[in-house]
Amino acid sequence: MAEVAPDERARRRPAWRSVAVPSEHGGWGLTAEPVLLGLLVAPGLAGALVGLAALLAFVARTPLRVLLVDRHRGRLLERTVLARRILVGEAGVLAALVVVVVLSAAGPFWIPLAAAAPLVIAELAFDARSRSRRLVPELAGTVGIGSVAAAIVLAGGGTAATAVGTWTVVAARAVASVPFVRLQLARARGRPHRRWACDLAQAAAVALVGAGWVPGWIPGAAVVVVAVLAAAQVVLARTPPPRAAVLGAQQVVLGLTVAVTAALGFRAP
């Protein structure tokens, strides 16, 4: 095989990365949080494989989005062919993981994933039209990926109530944080924004976990940590907006805090 010159490799790498590597840095954290929560609540091999499959599905969304956009626009480019090849390989690995999970899971892990399918489909529909940065697809995708926490719990033999509770916590985190991040980015860039809408989202997040606490699906610790998250974001929305990198770091810390605290609450006797 002929050796590829360094400058040629440099030209090829961006094309490969553009169709294979997710550009949403925050998406890694939003995908990892429900995985972490689920595994802390119900650790096990089957759950770990569900989490791995979720992370792979997040990565596979990038070439899938390229294919959807190019098909929507009626074009076939070099990147289209490359994205198809990458997606086929990732889909093969994902299918293998699913088979192993089916054989090893202690419960019907597929139920929350099936319930989240309309949300994922809605997000992909926006992806196809290159509108994935809007509020609706961002919320749909984040709440949809939250179903992974419930799937991990069920795969590990957890109860349906605990599964619903973990998904609700992740959904509340999304309802609070997605509008907040959008607000902070708009403020930092001098764009029009509605702080009251972000405040309303914080209240909705607290109400959501509160509704789950009443029947006993969500522990008090999870309600408290989401309330603290909401209060912190109400305050931060009234301070000078940070740089995007600092905002991202803040969200990682807040997300991990919610996941770990909620998990401790679920596991408490």
C-alpha atoms as a PDB file:
ATOM      1  CA  MET A   1       0.000   0.000   0.000  1.00  0.00           C
ATOM      2  CA  ALA A   2       1.357   3.408  -0.942  1.00  0.00           C
ATOM      3  CA  GLU A   3       2.287   5.679   1.933  1.00  0.00           C
ATOM      4  CA  VAL A   4       0.096   8.744   2.344  1.00  0.00           C
ATOM      5  CA  ALA A   5       1.986  12.005   2.606  1.00  0.00           C
ATOM      6  CA  PRO A   6       1.586  13.934   5.885  1.00  0.00           C
ATOM      7  CA  ASP A   7      -0.029  16.923   4.203  1.00  0.00           C
ATOM      8  CA  GLU A   8      -2.551  14.631   2.527  1.00  0.00           C
ATOM      9  CA  ARG A   9      -3.389  12.993   5.865  1.00  0.00           C
ATOM     10  CA  ALA A  10      -3.947  16.462   7.309  1.00  0.00           C
ATOM     11  CA  ARG A  11      -6.404  17.243   4.527  1.00  0.00           C
ATOM     12  CA  ARG A  12      -8.283  13.978   5.010  1.00  0.00           C
ATOM     13  CA  ARG A  13      -8.642  14.138   8.774  1.00  0.00           C
ATOM     14  CA  PRO A  14     -11.088  17.069   8.935  1.00  0.00           C
ATOM     15  CA  ALA A  15     -13.398  15.333   6.449  1.00  0.00           C
ATOM     16  CA  TRP A  16     -13.310  12.166   8.539  1.00  0.00           C
ATOM     17  CA  ARG A  17     -13.876  14.027  11.774  1.00  0.00           C
ATOM     18  CA  SER A  18     -16.761  16.032  10.347  1.00  0.00           C
ATOM     19  CA  VAL A  19     -18.786  12.893   9.669  1.00  0.00           C
ATOM     20  CA  ALA A  20     -17.661  10.710  12.581  1.00  0.00           C
ATOM     21  CA  VAL A  21     -16.977  12.857  15.647  1.00  0.00           C
ATOM     22  CA  PRO A  22     -19.851  14.671  17.412  1.00  0.00           C
ATOM     23  CA  SER A  23     -19.453  18.434  17.363  1.00  0.00           C
ATOM     24  CA  GLU A  24     -21.681  18.970  20.416  1.00  0.00           C
ATOM     25  CA  HIS A  25     -19.205  18.835  23.289  1.00  0.00           C
ATOM     26  CA  GLY A  26     -22.022  19.121  25.825  1.00  0.00           C
ATOM     27  CA  GLY A  27     -23.689  16.096  24.303  1.00  0.00           C
ATOM     28  CA  TRP A  28     -21.054  13.795  25.779  1.00  0.00           C
ATOM     29  CA  GLY A  29     -21.977  14.888  29.286  1.00  0.00           C
ATOM     30  CA  LEU A  30     -25.711  14.766  28.661  1.00  0.00           C
ATOM     31  CA  THR A  31     -25.313  11.209  27.386  1.00  0.00           C
ATOM     32  CA  ALA A  32     -22.964  10.113  30.162  1.00  0.00           C
ATOM     33  CA  GLU A  33     -25.133  11.470  32.995  1.00  0.00           C
ATOM     34  CA  PRO A  34     -28.044   9.011  32.607  1.00  0.00           C
ATOM     35  CA  VAL A  35     -25.520   6.208  32.081  1.00  0.00           C
ATOM     36  CA  LEU A  36     -23.757   7.136  35.321  1.00  0.00           C
ATOM     37  CA  LEU A  37     -27.014   7.495  37.240  1.00  0.00           C
ATOM     38  CA  GLY A  38     -28.321   4.157  36.011  1.00  0.00           C
ATOM     39  CA  LEU A  39     -25.106   2.296  36.812  1.00  0.00           C
ATOM     40  CA  LEU A  40     -24.824   3.841  40.278  1.00  0.00           C
ATOM     41  CA  VAL A  41     -28.382   2.792  41.053  1.00  0.00           C
ATOM     42  CA  ALA A  42     -28.222  -0.685  39.460  1.00  0.00           C
ATOM     43  CA  PRO A  43     -24.648  -1.734  38.652  1.00  0.00           C
ATOM     44  CA  GLY A  44     -24.149  -4.788  36.456  1.00  0.00           C
ATOM     45  CA  LEU A  45     -22.766  -6.096  33.188  1.00  0.00           C
ATOM     46  CA  ALA A  46     -26.014  -5.778  31.255  1.00  0.00           C
ATOM     47  CA  GLY A  47     -26.449  -2.188  32.399  1.00  0.00           C
ATOM     48  CA  ALA A  48     -22.859  -1.352  31.521  1.00  0.00           C
ATOM     49  CA  LEU A  49     -23.442  -2.685  28.016  1.00  0.00           C
ATOM     50  CA  VAL A  50     -26.607  -0.598  27.717  1.00  0.00           C
ATOM     51  CA  GLY A  51     -24.552   2.427  28.701  1.00  0.00           C
ATOM     52  CA  LEU A  52     -21.862   1.581  26.178  1.00  0.00           C
ATOM     53  CA  ALA A  53     -24.520   1.179  23.499  1.00  0.00           C
ATOM     54  CA  ALA A  54     -25.950   4.590  24.411  1.00  0.00           C
ATOM     55  CA  LEU A  55     -22.569   6.260  24.017  1.00  0.00           C
ATOM     56  CA  LEU A  56     -22.051   4.510  20.691  1.00  0.00           C
ATOM     57  CA  ALA A  57     -25.513   5.589  19.550  1.00  0.00           C
ATOM     58  CA  PHE A  58     -24.598   9.181  20.403  1.00  0.00           C
ATOM     59  CA  VAL A  59     -21.465   8.896  18.261  1.00  0.00           C
ATOM     60  CA  ALA A  60     -23.411   7.212  15.439  1.00  0.00           C
ATOM     61  CA  ARG A  61     -25.846  10.113  15.351  1.00  0.00           C
ATOM     62  CA  THR A  62     -23.161  12.223  13.649  1.00  0.00           C
ATOM     63  CA  PRO A  63     -22.824  10.154  10.436  1.00  0.00           C
ATOM     64  CA  LEU A  64     -26.563   9.485  10.518  1.00  0.00           C
ATOM     65  CA  ARG A  65     -27.238  13.219  10.582  1.00  0.00           C
ATOM     66  CA  VAL A  66     -24.937  13.703   7.594  1.00  0.00           C
ATOM     67  CA  LEU A  67     -26.876  11.075   5.664  1.00  0.00           C
ATOM     68  CA  LEU A  68     -30.232  12.582   6.625  1.00  0.00           C
ATOM     69  CA  VAL A  69     -29.194  16.109   5.652  1.00  0.00           C
ATOM     70  CA  ASP A  70     -27.721  15.038   2.321  1.00  0.00           C
ATOM     71  CA  ARG A  71     -30.748  12.922   1.497  1.00  0.00           C
ATOM     72  CA  HIS A  72     -33.097  15.777   2.428  1.00  0.00           C
ATOM     73  CA  ARG A  73     -31.162  18.049   0.058  1.00  0.00           C
ATOM     74  CA  GLY A  74     -31.013  15.423  -2.667  1.00  0.00           C
ATOM     75  CA  ARG A  75     -27.246  15.237  -2.968  1.00  0.00           C
ATOM     76  CA  LEU A  76     -24.582  12.549  -2.912  1.00  0.00           C
ATOM     77  CA  LEU A  77     -21.150  13.773  -1.859  1.00  0.00           C
ATOM     78  CA  GLU A  78     -17.909  12.133  -0.826  1.00  0.00           C
ATOM     79  CA  ARG A  79     -18.816  12.810   2.788  1.00  0.00           C
ATOM     80  CA  THR A  80     -22.138  11.023   2.223  1.00  0.00           C
ATOM     81  CA  VAL A  81     -20.368   7.832   1.174  1.00  0.00           C
ATOM     82  CA  LEU A  82     -17.896   8.111   4.040  1.00  0.00           C
ATOM     83  CA  ALA A  83     -20.679   8.719   6.559  1.00  0.00           C
ATOM     84  CA  ARG A  84     -22.547   5.664   5.264  1.00  0.00           C
ATOM     85  CA  ARG A  85     -19.532   3.425   5.724  1.00  0.00           C
ATOM     86  CA  ILE A  86     -18.897   4.688   9.240  1.00  0.00           C
ATOM     87  CA  LEU A  87     -22.553   4.336  10.200  1.00  0.00           C
ATOM     88  CA  VAL A  88     -22.733   0.751   8.924  1.00  0.00           C
ATOM     89  CA  GLY A  89     -19.729  -0.201  11.040  1.00  0.00           C
ATOM     90  CA  GLU A  90     -21.104   1.495  14.149  1.00  0.00           C
ATOM     91  CA  ALA A  91     -24.533  -0.006  13.588  1.00  0.00           C
ATOM     92  CA  GLY A  92     -22.984  -3.470  13.424  1.00  0.00           C
ATOM     93  CA  VAL A  93     -21.244  -3.004  16.769  1.00  0.00           C
ATOM     94  CA  LEU A  94     -24.406  -1.531  18.251  1.00  0.00           C
ATOM     95  CA  ALA A  95     -26.460  -4.512  17.092  1.00  0.00           C
ATOM     96  CA  ALA A  96     -23.959  -6.904  18.666  1.00  0.00           C
ATOM     97  CA  LEU A  97     -24.183  -5.030  21.965  1.00  0.00           C
ATOM     98  CA  VAL A  98     -27.968  -5.193  21.879  1.00  0.00           C
ATOM     99  CA  VAL A  99     -27.880  -8.952  21.341  1.00  0.00           C
ATOM    100  CA  VAL A 100     -25.609  -9.430  24.346  1.00  0.00           C
ATOM    101  CA  VAL A 101     -27.829  -7.188  26.479  1.00  0.00           C
ATOM    102  CA  VAL A 102     -30.928  -9.132  25.472  1.00  0.00           C
ATOM    103  CA  LEU A 103     -29.240 -12.369  26.562  1.00  0.00           C
ATOM    104  CA  SER A 104     -27.967 -10.991  29.871  1.00  0.00           C
ATOM    105  CA  ALA A 105     -30.550  -8.435  31.040  1.00  0.00           C
ATOM    106  CA  ALA A 106     -32.566  -9.233  34.140  1.00  0.00           C
ATOM    107  CA  GLY A 107     -35.569  -7.163  33.080  1.00  0.00           C
ATOM    108  CA  PRO A 108     -37.381  -5.564  30.117  1.00  0.00           C
ATOM    109  CA  PHE A 109     -34.797  -2.849  29.449  1.00  0.00           C
ATOM    110  CA  TRP A 110     -36.282  -2.124  26.034  1.00  0.00           C
ATOM    111  CA  ILE A 111     -39.537  -0.606  27.362  1.00  0.00           C
ATOM    112  CA  PRO A 112     -38.179   2.884  28.245  1.00  0.00           C
ATOM    113  CA  LEU A 113     -36.133   2.910  25.044  1.00  0.00           C
ATOM    114  CA  ALA A 114     -39.270   2.210  23.033  1.00  0.00           C
ATOM    115  CA  ALA A 115     -41.128   4.916  24.960  1.00  0.00           C
ATOM    116  CA  ALA A 116     -38.369   7.401  24.104  1.00  0.00           C
ATOM    117  CA  ALA A 117     -38.365   6.503  20.395  1.00  0.00           C
ATOM    118  CA  PRO A 118     -40.801   9.301  19.375  1.00  0.00           C
ATOM    119  CA  LEU A 119     -38.527  11.867  21.018  1.00  0.00           C
ATOM    120  CA  VAL A 120     -35.486  10.515  19.200  1.00  0.00           C
ATOM    121  CA  ILE A 121     -37.362  10.442  15.904  1.00  0.00           C
ATOM    122  CA  ALA A 122     -38.449  14.048  16.428  1.00  0.00           C
ATOM    123  CA  GLU A 123     -34.842  15.060  17.038  1.00  0.00           C
ATOM    124  CA  LEU A 124     -33.695  13.272  13.878  1.00  0.00           C
ATOM    125  CA  ALA A 125     -36.421  15.000  11.883  1.00  0.00           C
ATOM    126  CA  PHE A 126     -34.949  18.339  12.921  1.00  0.00           C
ATOM    127  CA  ASP A 127     -31.462  16.995  12.177  1.00  0.00           C
ATOM    128  CA  ALA A 128     -32.480  16.221   8.601  1.00  0.00           C
ATOM    129  CA  ARG A 129     -33.427  19.872   8.092  1.00  0.00           C
ATOM    130  CA  SER A 130     -30.265  21.161   9.801  1.00  0.00           C
ATOM    131  CA  ARG A 131     -32.318  22.589  12.674  1.00  0.00           C
ATOM    132  CA  SER A 132     -30.897  20.532  15.524  1.00  0.00           C
ATOM    133  CA  ARG A 133     -29.785  23.638  17.454  1.00  0.00           C
ATOM    134  CA  ARG A 134     -33.360  24.697  18.222  1.00  0.00           C
ATOM    135  CA  LEU A 135     -34.927  24.268  21.654  1.00  0.00           C
ATOM    136  CA  VAL A 136     -37.421  21.542  20.751  1.00  0.00           C
ATOM    137  CA  PRO A 137     -34.921  19.037  19.273  1.00  0.00           C
ATOM    138  CA  GLU A 138     -32.389  19.737  22.017  1.00  0.00           C
ATOM    139  CA  LEU A 139     -34.976  19.046  24.705  1.00  0.00           C
ATOM    140  CA  ALA A 140     -36.380  16.040  22.855  1.00  0.00           C
ATOM    141  CA  GLY A 141     -32.956  14.506  22.417  1.00  0.00           C
ATOM    142  CA  THR A 142     -31.832  15.121  25.989  1.00  0.00           C
ATOM    143  CA  VAL A 143     -35.041  13.803  27.542  1.00  0.00           C
ATOM    144  CA  GLY A 144     -34.974  10.879  25.128  1.00  0.00           C
ATOM    145  CA  ILE A 145     -31.434   9.862  26.048  1.00  0.00           C
ATOM    146  CA  GLY A 146     -32.530  10.004  29.676  1.00  0.00           C
ATOM    147  CA  SER A 147     -34.427   6.778  29.033  1.00  0.00           C
ATOM    148  CA  VAL A 148     -31.049   5.042  29.134  1.00  0.00           C
ATOM    149  CA  ALA A 149     -30.999   5.464  32.928  1.00  0.00           C
ATOM    150  CA  ALA A 150     -34.310   3.628  33.175  1.00  0.00           C
ATOM    151  CA  ALA A 151     -33.130   0.945  30.736  1.00  0.00           C
ATOM    152  CA  ILE A 152     -30.000   0.328  32.800  1.00  0.00           C
ATOM    153  CA  VAL A 153     -32.047   0.017  35.982  1.00  0.00           C
ATOM    154  CA  LEU A 154     -34.398  -2.520  34.395  1.00  0.00           C
ATOM    155  CA  ALA A 155     -31.518  -4.433  32.820  1.00  0.00           C
ATOM    156  CA  GLY A 156     -30.003  -4.754  36.283  1.00  0.00           C
ATOM    157  CA  GLY A 157     -33.213  -6.096  37.791  1.00  0.00           C
ATOM    158  CA  GLY A 158     -34.456  -2.835  39.313  1.00  0.00           C
ATOM    159  CA  THR A 159     -38.106  -1.985  39.803  1.00  0.00           C
ATOM    160  CA  ALA A 160     -40.281  -0.118  37.336  1.00  0.00           C
ATOM    161  CA  ALA A 161     -40.815   2.662  39.895  1.00  0.00           C
ATOM    162  CA  THR A 162     -37.059   3.199  40.252  1.00  0.00           C
ATOM    163  CA  ALA A 163     -36.646   3.163  36.479  1.00  0.00           C
ATOM    164  CA  VAL A 164     -39.338   5.820  36.045  1.00  0.00           C
ATOM    165  CA  GLY A 165     -37.790   7.819  38.858  1.00  0.00           C
ATOM    166  CA  THR A 166     -34.306   7.888  37.351  1.00  0.00           C
ATOM    167  CA  TRP A 167     -35.647   8.926  33.958  1.00  0.00           C
ATOM    168  CA  THR A 168     -37.696  11.666  35.595  1.00  0.00           C
ATOM    169  CA  VAL A 169     -34.612  13.046  37.351  1.00  0.00           C
ATOM    170  CA  VAL A 170     -32.690  13.158  34.070  1.00  0.00           C
ATOM    171  CA  ALA A 171     -35.672  14.766  32.329  1.00  0.00           C
ATOM    172  CA  ALA A 172     -35.882  17.420  35.045  1.00  0.00           C
ATOM    173  CA  ARG A 173     -32.184  18.131  34.676  1.00  0.00           C
ATOM    174  CA  ALA A 174     -32.719  18.588  30.929  1.00  0.00           C
ATOM    175  CA  VAL A 175     -35.764  20.821  31.364  1.00  0.00           C
ATOM    176  CA  ALA A 176     -33.767  23.063  33.700  1.00  0.00           C
ATOM    177  CA  SER A 177     -30.391  23.112  31.987  1.00  0.00           C
ATOM    178  CA  VAL A 178     -31.067  23.157  28.238  1.00  0.00           C
ATOM    179  CA  PRO A 179     -32.962  26.494  28.351  1.00  0.00           C
ATOM    180  CA  PHE A 180     -30.402  27.856  30.821  1.00  0.00           C
ATOM    181  CA  VAL A 181     -27.435  27.060  28.559  1.00  0.00           C
ATOM    182  CA  ARG A 182     -29.236  28.566  25.585  1.00  0.00           C
ATOM    183  CA  LEU A 183     -29.954  31.710  27.612  1.00  0.00           C
ATOM    184  CA  GLN A 184     -26.340  32.082  28.729  1.00  0.00           C
ATOM    185  CA  LEU A 185     -25.021  31.623  25.194  1.00  0.00           C
ATOM    186  CA  ALA A 186     -27.494  34.188  23.864  1.00  0.00           C
ATOM    187  CA  ARG A 187     -26.493  36.671  26.570  1.00  0.00           C
ATOM    188  CA  ALA A 188     -22.792  36.138  25.906  1.00  0.00           C
ATOM    189  CA  ARG A 189     -23.309  36.768  22.185  1.00  0.00           C
ATOM    190  CA  GLY A 190     -25.576  39.759  22.645  1.00  0.00           C
ATOM    191  CA  ARG A 191     -28.587  38.055  21.136  1.00  0.00           C
ATOM    192  CA  PRO A 192     -32.241  38.534  22.159  1.00  0.00           C
ATOM    193  CA  HIS A 193     -33.242  36.348  25.094  1.00  0.00           C
ATOM    194  CA  ARG A 194     -36.056  35.778  27.580  1.00  0.00           C
ATOM    195  CA  ARG A 195     -34.837  35.281  31.133  1.00  0.00           C
ATOM    196  CA  TRP A 196     -38.376  34.696  32.368  1.00  0.00           C
ATOM    197  CA  ALA A 197     -38.669  31.628  30.125  1.00  0.00           C
ATOM    198  CA  CYS A 198     -35.520  30.185  31.677  1.00  0.00           C
ATOM    199  CA  ASP A 199     -36.889  30.890  35.165  1.00  0.00           C
ATOM    200  CA  LEU A 200     -40.103  29.122  34.206  1.00  0.00           C
ATOM    201  CA  ALA A 201     -38.061  26.110  33.067  1.00  0.00           C
ATOM    202  CA  GLN A 202     -36.354  25.948  36.470  1.00  0.00           C
ATOM    203  CA  ALA A 203     -39.739  25.929  38.198  1.00  0.00           C
ATOM    204  CA  ALA A 204     -40.976  23.229  35.825  1.00  0.00           C
ATOM    205  CA  ALA A 205     -37.972  21.039  36.649  1.00  0.00           C
ATOM    206  CA  VAL A 206     -38.634  21.275  40.372  1.00  0.00           C
ATOM    207  CA  ALA A 207     -42.314  20.559  39.808  1.00  0.00           C
ATOM    208  CA  LEU A 208     -41.412  17.504  37.744  1.00  0.00           C
ATOM    209  CA  VAL A 209     -39.281  15.859  40.423  1.00  0.00           C
ATOM    210  CA  GLY A 210     -41.805  16.920  43.048  1.00  0.00           C
ATOM    211  CA  ALA A 211     -44.510  15.077  41.131  1.00  0.00           C
ATOM    212  CA  GLY A 212     -42.293  11.984  41.110  1.00  0.00           C
ATOM    213  CA  TRP A 213     -41.593  12.273  44.842  1.00  0.00           C
ATOM    214  CA  VAL A 214     -45.290  12.180  45.803  1.00  0.00           C
ATOM    215  CA  PRO A 215     -45.842   8.518  44.759  1.00  0.00           C
ATOM    216  CA  GLY A 216     -42.379   7.549  46.032  1.00  0.00           C
ATOM    217  CA  TRP A 217     -40.674   7.156  42.651  1.00  0.00           C
ATOM    218  CA  ILE A 218     -38.048   9.773  43.441  1.00  0.00           C
ATOM    219  CA  PRO A 219     -36.167  10.102  46.760  1.00  0.00           C
ATOM    220  CA  GLY A 220     -36.070  13.368  48.647  1.00  0.00           C
ATOM    221  CA  ALA A 221     -32.345  13.757  47.956  1.00  0.00           C
ATOM    222  CA  ALA A 222     -33.024  13.903  44.220  1.00  0.00           C
ATOM    223  CA  VAL A 223     -35.737  16.521  44.706  1.00  0.00           C
ATOM    224  CA  VAL A 224     -33.400  18.637  46.818  1.00  0.00           C
ATOM    225  CA  VAL A 225     -30.468  18.452  44.393  1.00  0.00           C
ATOM    226  CA  VAL A 226     -32.650  19.389  41.409  1.00  0.00           C
ATOM    227  CA  ALA A 227     -34.093  22.286  43.429  1.00  0.00           C
ATOM    228  CA  VAL A 228     -30.544  23.438  44.247  1.00  0.00           C
ATOM    229  CA  LEU A 229     -29.622  23.133  40.561  1.00  0.00           C
ATOM    230  CA  ALA A 230     -32.630  25.224  39.573  1.00  0.00           C
ATOM    231  CA  ALA A 231     -31.899  27.874  42.211  1.00  0.00           C
ATOM    232  CA  ALA A 232     -28.237  28.060  41.159  1.00  0.00           C
ATOM    233  CA  GLN A 233     -29.204  28.583  37.539  1.00  0.00           C
ATOM    234  CA  VAL A 234     -31.720  31.293  38.461  1.00  0.00           C
ATOM    235  CA  VAL A 235     -28.898  33.139  40.230  1.00  0.00           C
ATOM    236  CA  LEU A 236     -26.328  32.501  37.465  1.00  0.00           C
ATOM    237  CA  ALA A 237     -28.779  33.820  34.886  1.00  0.00           C
ATOM    238  CA  ARG A 238     -28.492  37.186  36.631  1.00  0.00           C
ATOM    239  CA  THR A 239     -24.707  37.332  36.702  1.00  0.00           C
ATOM    240  CA  PRO A 240     -22.400  38.143  33.781  1.00  0.00           C
ATOM    241  CA  PRO A 241     -22.427  35.187  31.361  1.00  0.00           C
ATOM    242  CA  PRO A 242     -19.187  33.172  31.283  1.00  0.00           C
ATOM    243  CA  ARG A 243     -17.254  31.991  28.258  1.00  0.00           C
ATOM    244  CA  ALA A 244     -18.623  28.899  26.542  1.00  0.00           C
ATOM    245  CA  ALA A 245     -15.842  26.701  27.936  1.00  0.00           C
ATOM    246  CA  VAL A 246     -16.559  27.842  31.496  1.00  0.00           C
ATOM    247  CA  LEU A 247     -20.281  27.351  30.956  1.00  0.00           C
ATOM    248  CA  GLY A 248     -19.627  23.815  29.744  1.00  0.00           C
ATOM    249  CA  ALA A 249     -17.461  23.052  32.775  1.00  0.00           C
ATOM    250  CA  GLN A 250     -20.182  24.381  35.075  1.00  0.00           C
ATOM    251  CA  GLN A 251     -22.725  22.078  33.466  1.00  0.00           C
ATOM    252  CA  VAL A 252     -20.459  19.049  33.820  1.00  0.00           C
ATOM    253  CA  VAL A 253     -20.048  19.712  37.543  1.00  0.00           C
ATOM    254  CA  LEU A 254     -23.761  20.372  38.046  1.00  0.00           C
ATOM    255  CA  GLY A 255     -24.734  17.296  36.048  1.00  0.00           C
ATOM    256  CA  LEU A 256     -22.401  15.000  37.960  1.00  0.00           C
ATOM    257  CA  THR A 257     -23.657  16.443  41.236  1.00  0.00           C
ATOM    258  CA  VAL A 258     -27.259  15.723  40.286  1.00  0.00           C
ATOM    259  CA  ALA A 259     -26.467  12.183  39.105  1.00  0.00           C
ATOM    260  CA  VAL A 260     -24.380  11.181  42.141  1.00  0.00           C
ATOM    261  CA  THR A 261     -26.688  12.767  44.715  1.00  0.00           C
ATOM    262  CA  ALA A 262     -29.787  11.278  43.132  1.00  0.00           C
ATOM    263  CA  ALA A 263     -28.127   7.846  42.958  1.00  0.00           C
ATOM    264  CA  LEU A 264     -27.281   7.981  46.664  1.00  0.00           C
ATOM    265  CA  GLY A 265     -30.914   8.793  47.348  1.00  0.00           C
ATOM    266  CA  PHE A 266     -32.174   5.886  45.270  1.00  0.00           C
ATOM    267  CA  ARG A 267     -29.793   3.468  47.000  1.00  0.00           C
ATOM    268  CA  ALA A 268     -30.498   4.690  50.518  1.00  0.00           C
ATOM    269  CA  PRO A 269     -32.410   2.154  52.641  1.00  0.00           C
END
